[in-house]
Amino acid sequence: MKRIGIAASKMAQENIALYNFYVFLLASIFSLLVFVLSGFSLLIGFMILSFVSKGFVVFEGPTGFSPTFTICMAALAVVVGVMNIVAISMNIRLK
């Protein structure tokens, strides 16, 4: 999280408004990357579990893994959002 501030300060070159913008931008891009990679690994895991347990039937609807996957993705979104807010609050600079 400290690396976000270091990268933003090198890009902003002593401009506080630009620094804060870069902190927000870098933290958001990193959070999006973590969300996509973690979501993809969850999807692959559920697909493998579905293939093994049901004989190659992927997400049968309400009786399959779909509600579980939705709950996992919602929890992942909350965790990534909280980490994004923490990263931004640690690196933001006020006058």
PDB file of N, CA and C in Angstrom:
ATOM      1  N   MET A   1       0.818  -1.193   0.000  1.00  0.00           N
ATOM      2  CA  MET A   1       0.000   0.000   0.000  1.00  0.00           C
ATOM      3  C   MET A   1       0.865   1.261   0.000  1.00  0.00           C
ATOM      4  N   LYS A   2       2.021   1.154   0.600  1.00  0.00           N
ATOM      5  CA  LYS A   2       2.927   2.304   0.587  1.00  0.00           C
ATOM      6  C   LYS A   2       3.508   2.545  -0.803  1.00  0.00           C
ATOM      7  N   ARG A   3       3.608   1.485  -1.583  1.00  0.00           N
ATOM      8  CA  ARG A   3       4.138   1.618  -2.946  1.00  0.00           C
ATOM      9  C   ARG A   3       3.238   2.487  -3.813  1.00  0.00           C
ATOM     10  N   ILE A   4       1.955   2.500  -3.537  1.00  0.00           N
ATOM     11  CA  ILE A   4       1.035   3.352  -4.286  1.00  0.00           C
ATOM     12  C   ILE A   4       1.423   4.809  -4.095  1.00  0.00           C
ATOM     13  N   GLY A   5       1.719   5.201  -2.850  1.00  0.00           N
ATOM     14  CA  GLY A   5       2.136   6.574  -2.559  1.00  0.00           C
ATOM     15  C   GLY A   5       3.462   6.916  -3.203  1.00  0.00           C
ATOM     16  N   ILE A   6       4.381   5.966  -3.216  1.00  0.00           N
ATOM     17  CA  ILE A   6       5.690   6.211  -3.835  1.00  0.00           C
ATOM     18  C   ILE A   6       5.536   6.416  -5.340  1.00  0.00           C
ATOM     19  N   ALA A   7       4.769   5.550  -5.978  1.00  0.00           N
ATOM     20  CA  ALA A   7       4.557   5.683  -7.427  1.00  0.00           C
ATOM     21  C   ALA A   7       3.801   6.966  -7.763  1.00  0.00           C
ATOM     22  N   ALA A   8       2.806   7.304  -6.942  1.00  0.00           N
ATOM     23  CA  ALA A   8       2.032   8.526  -7.201  1.00  0.00           C
ATOM     24  C   ALA A   8       2.886   9.773  -7.020  1.00  0.00           C
ATOM     25  N   SER A   9       3.770   9.769  -6.034  1.00  0.00           N
ATOM     26  CA  SER A   9       4.611  10.955  -5.829  1.00  0.00           C
ATOM     27  C   SER A   9       5.614  11.129  -6.960  1.00  0.00           C
ATOM     28  N   LYS A  10       6.094  10.030  -7.531  1.00  0.00           N
ATOM     29  CA  LYS A  10       7.015  10.150  -8.667  1.00  0.00           C
ATOM     30  C   LYS A  10       6.300  10.652  -9.907  1.00  0.00           C
ATOM     31  N   MET A  11       5.036  10.265 -10.088  1.00  0.00           N
ATOM     32  CA  MET A  11       4.296  10.717 -11.265  1.00  0.00           C
ATOM     33  C   MET A  11       3.780  12.143 -11.110  1.00  0.00           C
ATOM     34  N   ALA A  12       3.411  12.539  -9.899  1.00  0.00           N
ATOM     35  CA  ALA A  12       2.783  13.843  -9.692  1.00  0.00           C
ATOM     36  C   ALA A  12       3.779  14.989  -9.692  1.00  0.00           C
ATOM     37  N   GLN A  13       4.997  14.762  -9.289  1.00  0.00           N
ATOM     38  CA  GLN A  13       6.052  15.777  -9.259  1.00  0.00           C
ATOM     39  C   GLN A  13       5.635  17.028  -8.483  1.00  0.00           C
ATOM     40  N   GLU A  14       5.357  16.828  -7.183  1.00  0.00           N
ATOM     41  CA  GLU A  14       5.093  17.906  -6.224  1.00  0.00           C
ATOM     42  C   GLU A  14       3.740  18.610  -6.395  1.00  0.00           C
ATOM     43  N   ASN A  15       2.843  18.082  -7.152  1.00  0.00           N
ATOM     44  CA  ASN A  15       1.503  18.642  -7.302  1.00  0.00           C
ATOM     45  C   ASN A  15       0.546  17.804  -6.451  1.00  0.00           C
ATOM     46  N   ILE A  16      -0.002  18.401  -5.389  1.00  0.00           N
ATOM     47  CA  ILE A  16      -0.805  17.647  -4.432  1.00  0.00           C
ATOM     48  C   ILE A  16      -2.109  17.145  -5.055  1.00  0.00           C
ATOM     49  N   ALA A  17      -2.758  17.955  -5.860  1.00  0.00           N
ATOM     50  CA  ALA A  17      -4.011  17.529  -6.484  1.00  0.00           C
ATOM     51  C   ALA A  17      -3.768  16.356  -7.436  1.00  0.00           C
ATOM     52  N   LEU A  18      -2.707  16.448  -8.201  1.00  0.00           N
ATOM     53  CA  LEU A  18      -2.364  15.373  -9.115  1.00  0.00           C
ATOM     54  C   LEU A  18      -1.926  14.123  -8.345  1.00  0.00           C
ATOM     55  N   TYR A  19      -1.228  14.304  -7.238  1.00  0.00           N
ATOM     56  CA  TYR A  19      -0.823  13.186  -6.389  1.00  0.00           C
ATOM     57  C   TYR A  19      -2.050  12.429  -5.875  1.00  0.00           C
ATOM     58  N   ASN A  20      -3.038  13.157  -5.367  1.00  0.00           N
ATOM     59  CA  ASN A  20      -4.251  12.525  -4.855  1.00  0.00           C
ATOM     60  C   ASN A  20      -5.013  11.794  -5.957  1.00  0.00           C
ATOM     61  N   PHE A  21      -5.032  12.388  -7.146  1.00  0.00           N
ATOM     62  CA  PHE A  21      -5.676  11.732  -8.286  1.00  0.00           C
ATOM     63  C   PHE A  21      -4.962  10.430  -8.631  1.00  0.00           C
ATOM     64  N   TYR A  22      -3.635  10.453  -8.667  1.00  0.00           N
ATOM     65  CA  TYR A  22      -2.873   9.243  -8.978  1.00  0.00           C
ATOM     66  C   TYR A  22      -3.016   8.183  -7.895  1.00  0.00           C
ATOM     67  N   VAL A  23      -3.102   8.598  -6.638  1.00  0.00           N
ATOM     68  CA  VAL A  23      -3.334   7.630  -5.558  1.00  0.00           C
ATOM     69  C   VAL A  23      -4.665   6.928  -5.775  1.00  0.00           C
ATOM     70  N   PHE A  24      -5.694   7.697  -6.050  1.00  0.00           N
ATOM     71  CA  PHE A  24      -7.013   7.111  -6.301  1.00  0.00           C
ATOM     72  C   PHE A  24      -6.987   6.202  -7.520  1.00  0.00           C
ATOM     73  N   LEU A  25      -6.359   6.648  -8.585  1.00  0.00           N
ATOM     74  CA  LEU A  25      -6.300   5.879  -9.825  1.00  0.00           C
ATOM     75  C   LEU A  25      -5.523   4.583  -9.642  1.00  0.00           C
ATOM     76  N   LEU A  26      -4.343   4.650  -9.046  1.00  0.00           N
ATOM     77  CA  LEU A  26      -3.530   3.446  -8.864  1.00  0.00           C
ATOM     78  C   LEU A  26      -4.182   2.453  -7.914  1.00  0.00           C
ATOM     79  N   ALA A  27      -4.768   2.951  -6.831  1.00  0.00           N
ATOM     80  CA  ALA A  27      -5.436   2.058  -5.880  1.00  0.00           C
ATOM     81  C   ALA A  27      -6.641   1.381  -6.530  1.00  0.00           C
ATOM     82  N   SER A  28      -7.383   2.123  -7.330  1.00  0.00           N
ATOM     83  CA  SER A  28      -8.551   1.547  -7.997  1.00  0.00           C
ATOM     84  C   SER A  28      -8.159   0.523  -9.051  1.00  0.00           C
ATOM     85  N   ILE A  29      -7.126   0.809  -9.814  1.00  0.00           N
ATOM     86  CA  ILE A  29      -6.672  -0.139 -10.834  1.00  0.00           C
ATOM     87  C   ILE A  29      -6.139  -1.409 -10.179  1.00  0.00           C
ATOM     88  N   PHE A  30      -5.373  -1.257  -9.101  1.00  0.00           N
ATOM     89  CA  PHE A  30      -4.857  -2.428  -8.407  1.00  0.00           C
ATOM     90  C   PHE A  30      -5.992  -3.249  -7.800  1.00  0.00           C
ATOM     91  N   SER A  31      -6.993  -2.592  -7.219  1.00  0.00           N
ATOM     92  CA  SER A  31      -8.127  -3.310  -6.640  1.00  0.00           C
ATOM     93  C   SER A  31      -8.917  -4.043  -7.717  1.00  0.00           C
ATOM     94  N   LEU A  32      -9.093  -3.417  -8.861  1.00  0.00           N
ATOM     95  CA  LEU A  32      -9.791  -4.069  -9.970  1.00  0.00           C
ATOM     96  C   LEU A  32      -9.020  -5.297 -10.451  1.00  0.00           C
ATOM     97  N   LEU A  33      -7.696  -5.187 -10.524  1.00  0.00           N
ATOM     98  CA  LEU A  33      -6.869  -6.317 -10.927  1.00  0.00           C
ATOM     99  C   LEU A  33      -6.999  -7.468  -9.932  1.00  0.00           C
ATOM    100  N   VAL A  34      -6.948  -7.162  -8.640  1.00  0.00           N
ATOM    101  CA  VAL A  34      -7.088  -8.197  -7.615  1.00  0.00           C
ATOM    102  C   VAL A  34      -8.466  -8.841  -7.699  1.00  0.00           C
ATOM    103  N   PHE A  35      -9.507  -8.036  -7.894  1.00  0.00           N
ATOM    104  CA  PHE A  35     -10.863  -8.567  -7.993  1.00  0.00           C
ATOM    105  C   PHE A  35     -11.016  -9.493  -9.193  1.00  0.00           C
ATOM    106  N   VAL A  36     -10.502  -9.103 -10.333  1.00  0.00           N
ATOM    107  CA  VAL A  36     -10.638  -9.913 -11.546  1.00  0.00           C
ATOM    108  C   VAL A  36      -9.859 -11.224 -11.413  1.00  0.00           C
ATOM    109  N   LEU A  37      -8.631 -11.144 -10.933  1.00  0.00           N
ATOM    110  CA  LEU A  37      -7.828 -12.360 -10.799  1.00  0.00           C
ATOM    111  C   LEU A  37      -8.412 -13.309  -9.760  1.00  0.00           C
ATOM    112  N   SER A  38      -8.856 -12.770  -8.634  1.00  0.00           N
ATOM    113  CA  SER A  38      -9.458 -13.621  -7.601  1.00  0.00           C
ATOM    114  C   SER A  38     -10.791 -14.191  -8.068  1.00  0.00           C
ATOM    115  N   GLY A  39     -11.586 -13.393  -8.740  1.00  0.00           N
ATOM    116  CA  GLY A  39     -12.860 -13.875  -9.269  1.00  0.00           C
ATOM    117  C   GLY A  39     -12.666 -14.963 -10.309  1.00  0.00           C
ATOM    118  N   PHE A  40     -11.659 -14.797 -11.142  1.00  0.00           N
ATOM    119  CA  PHE A  40     -11.376 -15.822 -12.154  1.00  0.00           C
ATOM    120  C   PHE A  40     -10.930 -17.119 -11.496  1.00  0.00           C
ATOM    121  N   SER A  41     -10.100 -17.028 -10.466  1.00  0.00           N
ATOM    122  CA  SER A  41      -9.662 -18.253  -9.777  1.00  0.00           C
ATOM    123  C   SER A  41     -10.836 -18.910  -9.042  1.00  0.00           C
ATOM    124  N   LEU A  42     -11.751 -18.113  -8.489  1.00  0.00           N
ATOM    125  CA  LEU A  42     -12.963 -18.692  -7.892  1.00  0.00           C
ATOM    126  C   LEU A  42     -13.805 -19.411  -8.940  1.00  0.00           C
ATOM    127  N   LEU A  43     -13.967 -18.796 -10.084  1.00  0.00           N
ATOM    128  CA  LEU A  43     -14.745 -19.407 -11.159  1.00  0.00           C
ATOM    129  C   LEU A  43     -14.123 -20.721 -11.610  1.00  0.00           C
ATOM    130  N   ILE A  44     -12.828 -20.729 -11.805  1.00  0.00           N
ATOM    131  CA  ILE A  44     -12.139 -21.954 -12.210  1.00  0.00           C
ATOM    132  C   ILE A  44     -12.291 -23.032 -11.139  1.00  0.00           C
ATOM    133  N   GLY A  45     -12.159 -22.637  -9.858  1.00  0.00           N
ATOM    134  CA  GLY A  45     -12.321 -23.600  -8.775  1.00  0.00           C
ATOM    135  C   GLY A  45     -13.709 -24.197  -8.730  1.00  0.00           C
ATOM    136  N   PHE A  46     -14.726 -23.357  -8.878  1.00  0.00           N
ATOM    137  CA  PHE A  46     -16.097 -23.872  -8.889  1.00  0.00           C
ATOM    138  C   PHE A  46     -16.369 -24.731 -10.113  1.00  0.00           C
ATOM    139  N   MET A  47     -15.788 -24.386 -11.247  1.00  0.00           N
ATOM    140  CA  MET A  47     -15.980 -25.206 -12.438  1.00  0.00           C
ATOM    141  C   MET A  47     -15.334 -26.577 -12.259  1.00  0.00           C
ATOM    142  N   ILE A  48     -14.135 -26.609 -11.696  1.00  0.00           N
ATOM    143  CA  ILE A  48     -13.465 -27.892 -11.468  1.00  0.00           C
ATOM    144  C   ILE A  48     -14.258 -28.725 -10.471  1.00  0.00           C
ATOM    145  N   LEU A  49     -14.733 -28.079  -9.408  1.00  0.00           N
ATOM    146  CA  LEU A  49     -15.553 -28.791  -8.427  1.00  0.00           C
ATOM    147  C   LEU A  49     -16.838 -29.319  -9.055  1.00  0.00           C
ATOM    148  N   SER A  50     -17.438 -28.534  -9.925  1.00  0.00           N
ATOM    149  CA  SER A  50     -18.651 -28.963 -10.600  1.00  0.00           C
ATOM    150  C   SER A  50     -18.371 -30.121 -11.554  1.00  0.00           C
ATOM    151  N   PHE A  51     -17.261 -30.043 -12.289  1.00  0.00           N
ATOM    152  CA  PHE A  51     -16.911 -31.124 -13.208  1.00  0.00           C
ATOM    153  C   PHE A  51     -16.688 -32.431 -12.463  1.00  0.00           C
ATOM    154  N   VAL A  52     -16.005 -32.351 -11.335  1.00  0.00           N
ATOM    155  CA  VAL A  52     -15.691 -33.561 -10.580  1.00  0.00           C
ATOM    156  C   VAL A  52     -16.942 -34.140  -9.919  1.00  0.00           C
ATOM    157  N   SER A  53     -17.772 -33.276  -9.359  1.00  0.00           N
ATOM    158  CA  SER A  53     -18.899 -33.782  -8.579  1.00  0.00           C
ATOM    159  C   SER A  53     -20.129 -34.129  -9.418  1.00  0.00           C
ATOM    160  N   LYS A  54     -20.377 -33.449 -10.505  1.00  0.00           N
ATOM    161  CA  LYS A  54     -21.621 -33.655 -11.263  1.00  0.00           C
ATOM    162  C   LYS A  54     -21.395 -34.268 -12.646  1.00  0.00           C
ATOM    163  N   GLY A  55     -20.216 -34.633 -12.976  1.00  0.00           N
ATOM    164  CA  GLY A  55     -19.991 -35.253 -14.276  1.00  0.00           C
ATOM    165  C   GLY A  55     -20.052 -34.268 -15.421  1.00  0.00           C
ATOM    166  N   PHE A  56     -19.314 -33.204 -15.329  1.00  0.00           N
ATOM    167  CA  PHE A  56     -19.186 -32.206 -16.383  1.00  0.00           C
ATOM    168  C   PHE A  56     -20.476 -31.449 -16.681  1.00  0.00           C
ATOM    169  N   VAL A  57     -21.215 -31.108 -15.656  1.00  0.00           N
ATOM    170  CA  VAL A  57     -22.378 -30.230 -15.782  1.00  0.00           C
ATOM    171  C   VAL A  57     -22.017 -28.929 -15.083  1.00  0.00           C
ATOM    172  N   VAL A  58     -21.981 -27.832 -15.826  1.00  0.00           N
ATOM    173  CA  VAL A  58     -21.548 -26.557 -15.273  1.00  0.00           C
ATOM    174  C   VAL A  58     -22.766 -25.747 -14.841  1.00  0.00           C
ATOM    175  N   PHE A  59     -22.810 -25.329 -13.588  1.00  0.00           N
ATOM    176  CA  PHE A  59     -23.803 -24.414 -13.026  1.00  0.00           C
ATOM    177  C   PHE A  59     -25.221 -24.737 -13.505  1.00  0.00           C
ATOM    178  N   GLU A  60     -25.852 -25.630 -12.874  1.00  0.00           N
ATOM    179  CA  GLU A  60     -27.169 -26.093 -13.285  1.00  0.00           C
ATOM    180  C   GLU A  60     -28.288 -25.095 -13.023  1.00  0.00           C
ATOM    181  N   GLY A  61     -28.025 -23.990 -12.492  1.00  0.00           N
ATOM    182  CA  GLY A  61     -29.071 -23.031 -12.161  1.00  0.00           C
ATOM    183  C   GLY A  61     -29.232 -22.924 -10.657  1.00  0.00           C
ATOM    184  N   PRO A  62     -30.483 -22.855 -10.163  1.00  0.00           N
ATOM    185  CA  PRO A  62     -30.709 -22.645  -8.733  1.00  0.00           C
ATOM    186  C   PRO A  62     -30.199 -23.779  -7.844  1.00  0.00           C
ATOM    187  N   THR A  63     -30.071 -24.989  -8.381  1.00  0.00           N
ATOM    188  CA  THR A  63     -29.612 -26.106  -7.555  1.00  0.00           C
ATOM    189  C   THR A  63     -28.104 -26.298  -7.613  1.00  0.00           C
ATOM    190  N   GLY A  64     -27.414 -25.593  -8.504  1.00  0.00           N
ATOM    191  CA  GLY A  64     -25.971 -25.766  -8.657  1.00  0.00           C
ATOM    192  C   GLY A  64     -25.192 -24.841  -7.743  1.00  0.00           C
ATOM    193  N   PHE A  65     -24.001 -24.471  -8.194  1.00  0.00           N
ATOM    194  CA  PHE A  65     -23.108 -23.628  -7.410  1.00  0.00           C
ATOM    195  C   PHE A  65     -23.352 -22.133  -7.624  1.00  0.00           C
ATOM    196  N   SER A  66     -24.315 -21.763  -8.411  1.00  0.00           N
ATOM    197  CA  SER A  66     -24.535 -20.357  -8.746  1.00  0.00           C
ATOM    198  C   SER A  66     -24.779 -19.468  -7.523  1.00  0.00           C
ATOM    199  N   PRO A  67     -25.635 -19.826  -6.562  1.00  0.00           N
ATOM    200  CA  PRO A  67     -25.807 -18.960  -5.384  1.00  0.00           C
ATOM    201  C   PRO A  67     -24.532 -18.860  -4.540  1.00  0.00           C
ATOM    202  N   THR A  68     -23.809 -19.952  -4.440  1.00  0.00           N
ATOM    203  CA  THR A  68     -22.560 -19.941  -3.684  1.00  0.00           C
ATOM    204  C   THR A  68     -21.541 -19.034  -4.360  1.00  0.00           C
ATOM    205  N   PHE A  69     -21.466 -19.109  -5.659  1.00  0.00           N
ATOM    206  CA  PHE A  69     -20.536 -18.264  -6.407  1.00  0.00           C
ATOM    207  C   PHE A  69     -20.911 -16.791  -6.256  1.00  0.00           C
ATOM    208  N   THR A  70     -22.196 -16.487  -6.283  1.00  0.00           N
ATOM    209  CA  THR A  70     -22.649 -15.098  -6.107  1.00  0.00           C
ATOM    210  C   THR A  70     -22.280 -14.574  -4.732  1.00  0.00           C
ATOM    211  N   ILE A  71     -22.453 -15.381  -3.707  1.00  0.00           N
ATOM    212  CA  ILE A  71     -22.101 -14.965  -2.348  1.00  0.00           C
ATOM    213  C   ILE A  71     -20.589 -14.771  -2.228  1.00  0.00           C
ATOM    214  N   CYS A  72     -19.807 -15.665  -2.816  1.00  0.00           N
ATOM    215  CA  CYS A  72     -18.349 -15.533  -2.771  1.00  0.00           C
ATOM    216  C   CYS A  72     -17.884 -14.268  -3.488  1.00  0.00           C
ATOM    217  N   MET A  73     -18.484 -13.971  -4.628  1.00  0.00           N
ATOM    218  CA  MET A  73     -18.091 -12.764  -5.370  1.00  0.00           C
ATOM    219  C   MET A  73     -18.509 -11.497  -4.626  1.00  0.00           C
ATOM    220  N   ALA A  74     -19.654 -11.517  -3.963  1.00  0.00           N
ATOM    221  CA  ALA A  74     -20.075 -10.361  -3.167  1.00  0.00           C
ATOM    222  C   ALA A  74     -19.133 -10.141  -1.992  1.00  0.00           C
ATOM    223  N   ALA A  75     -18.744 -11.219  -1.326  1.00  0.00           N
ATOM    224  CA  ALA A  75     -17.799 -11.091  -0.215  1.00  0.00           C
ATOM    225  C   ALA A  75     -16.445 -10.605  -0.714  1.00  0.00           C
ATOM    226  N   LEU A  76     -16.013 -11.085  -1.864  1.00  0.00           N
ATOM    227  CA  LEU A  76     -14.755 -10.633  -2.450  1.00  0.00           C
ATOM    228  C   LEU A  76     -14.821  -9.151  -2.806  1.00  0.00           C
ATOM    229  N   ALA A  77     -15.946  -8.701  -3.324  1.00  0.00           N
ATOM    230  CA  ALA A  77     -16.111  -7.284  -3.651  1.00  0.00           C
ATOM    231  C   ALA A  77     -16.031  -6.417  -2.399  1.00  0.00           C
ATOM    232  N   VAL A  78     -16.614  -6.866  -1.305  1.00  0.00           N
ATOM    233  CA  VAL A  78     -16.566  -6.108  -0.050  1.00  0.00           C
ATOM    234  C   VAL A  78     -15.130  -6.029   0.464  1.00  0.00           C
ATOM    235  N   VAL A  79     -14.429  -7.147   0.454  1.00  0.00           N
ATOM    236  CA  VAL A  79     -13.051  -7.170   0.953  1.00  0.00           C
ATOM    237  C   VAL A  79     -12.149  -6.289   0.091  1.00  0.00           C
ATOM    238  N   VAL A  80     -12.262  -6.385  -1.218  1.00  0.00           N
ATOM    239  CA  VAL A  80     -11.436  -5.573  -2.112  1.00  0.00           C
ATOM    240  C   VAL A  80     -11.787  -4.090  -1.965  1.00  0.00           C
ATOM    241  N   GLY A  81     -13.061  -3.776  -1.793  1.00  0.00           N
ATOM    242  CA  GLY A  81     -13.464  -2.382  -1.595  1.00  0.00           C
ATOM    243  C   GLY A  81     -12.918  -1.794  -0.311  1.00  0.00           C
ATOM    244  N   VAL A  82     -12.950  -2.566   0.762  1.00  0.00           N
ATOM    245  CA  VAL A  82     -12.392  -2.089   2.040  1.00  0.00           C
ATOM    246  C   VAL A  82     -10.884  -1.894   1.920  1.00  0.00           C
ATOM    247  N   MET A  83     -10.207  -2.827   1.258  1.00  0.00           N
ATOM    248  CA  MET A  83      -8.757  -2.677   1.080  1.00  0.00           C
ATOM    249  C   MET A  83      -8.435  -1.459   0.215  1.00  0.00           C
ATOM    250  N   ASN A  84      -9.280  -1.164  -0.766  1.00  0.00           N
ATOM    251  CA  ASN A  84      -9.081   0.015  -1.606  1.00  0.00           C
ATOM    252  C   ASN A  84      -9.242   1.289  -0.775  1.00  0.00           C
ATOM    253  N   ILE A  85     -10.241   1.337   0.071  1.00  0.00           N
ATOM    254  CA  ILE A  85     -10.455   2.513   0.921  1.00  0.00           C
ATOM    255  C   ILE A  85      -9.296   2.691   1.889  1.00  0.00           C
ATOM    256  N   VAL A  86      -8.790   1.599   2.448  1.00  0.00           N
ATOM    257  CA  VAL A  86      -7.645   1.683   3.360  1.00  0.00           C
ATOM    258  C   VAL A  86      -6.410   2.185   2.623  1.00  0.00           C
ATOM    259  N   ALA A  87      -6.165   1.672   1.423  1.00  0.00           N
ATOM    260  CA  ALA A  87      -5.002   2.106   0.646  1.00  0.00           C
ATOM    261  C   ALA A  87      -5.091   3.587   0.292  1.00  0.00           C
ATOM    262  N   ILE A  88      -6.274   4.042  -0.080  1.00  0.00           N
ATOM    263  CA  ILE A  88      -6.438   5.457  -0.418  1.00  0.00           C
ATOM    264  C   ILE A  88      -6.274   6.318   0.821  1.00  0.00           C
ATOM    265  N   SER A  89      -6.871   5.909   1.942  1.00  0.00           N
ATOM    266  CA  SER A  89      -6.782   6.730   3.154  1.00  0.00           C
ATOM    267  C   SER A  89      -5.362   6.777   3.714  1.00  0.00           C
ATOM    268  N   MET A  90      -4.567   5.742   3.492  1.00  0.00           N
ATOM    269  CA  MET A  90      -3.185   5.761   3.965  1.00  0.00           C
ATOM    270  C   MET A  90      -2.310   6.687   3.134  1.00  0.00           C
ATOM    271  N   ASN A  91      -2.651   6.879   1.877  1.00  0.00           N
ATOM    272  CA  ASN A  91      -1.773   7.609   0.973  1.00  0.00           C
ATOM    273  C   ASN A  91      -2.250   8.999   0.587  1.00  0.00           C
ATOM    274  N   ILE A  92      -3.439   9.384   0.978  1.00  0.00           N
ATOM    275  CA  ILE A  92      -3.971  10.689   0.586  1.00  0.00           C
ATOM    276  C   ILE A  92      -3.251  11.794   1.362  1.00  0.00           C
ATOM    277  N   ARG A  93      -3.020  12.896   0.726  1.00  0.00           N
ATOM    278  CA  ARG A  93      -2.359  14.039   1.358  1.00  0.00           C
ATOM    279  C   ARG A  93      -3.288  15.251   1.326  1.00  0.00           C
ATOM    280  N   LEU A  94      -3.379  15.914   2.436  1.00  0.00           N
ATOM    281  CA  LEU A  94      -4.136  17.147   2.524  1.00  0.00           C
ATOM    282  C   LEU A  94      -3.184  18.305   2.727  1.00  0.00           C
ATOM    283  N   LYS A  95      -3.631  19.513   2.401  1.00  0.00           N
ATOM    284  CA  LYS A  95      -2.759  20.688   2.543  1.00  0.00           C
ATOM    285  C   LYS A  95      -2.495  21.003   3.986  1.00  0.00           C
TER     286      LYS A  95
END
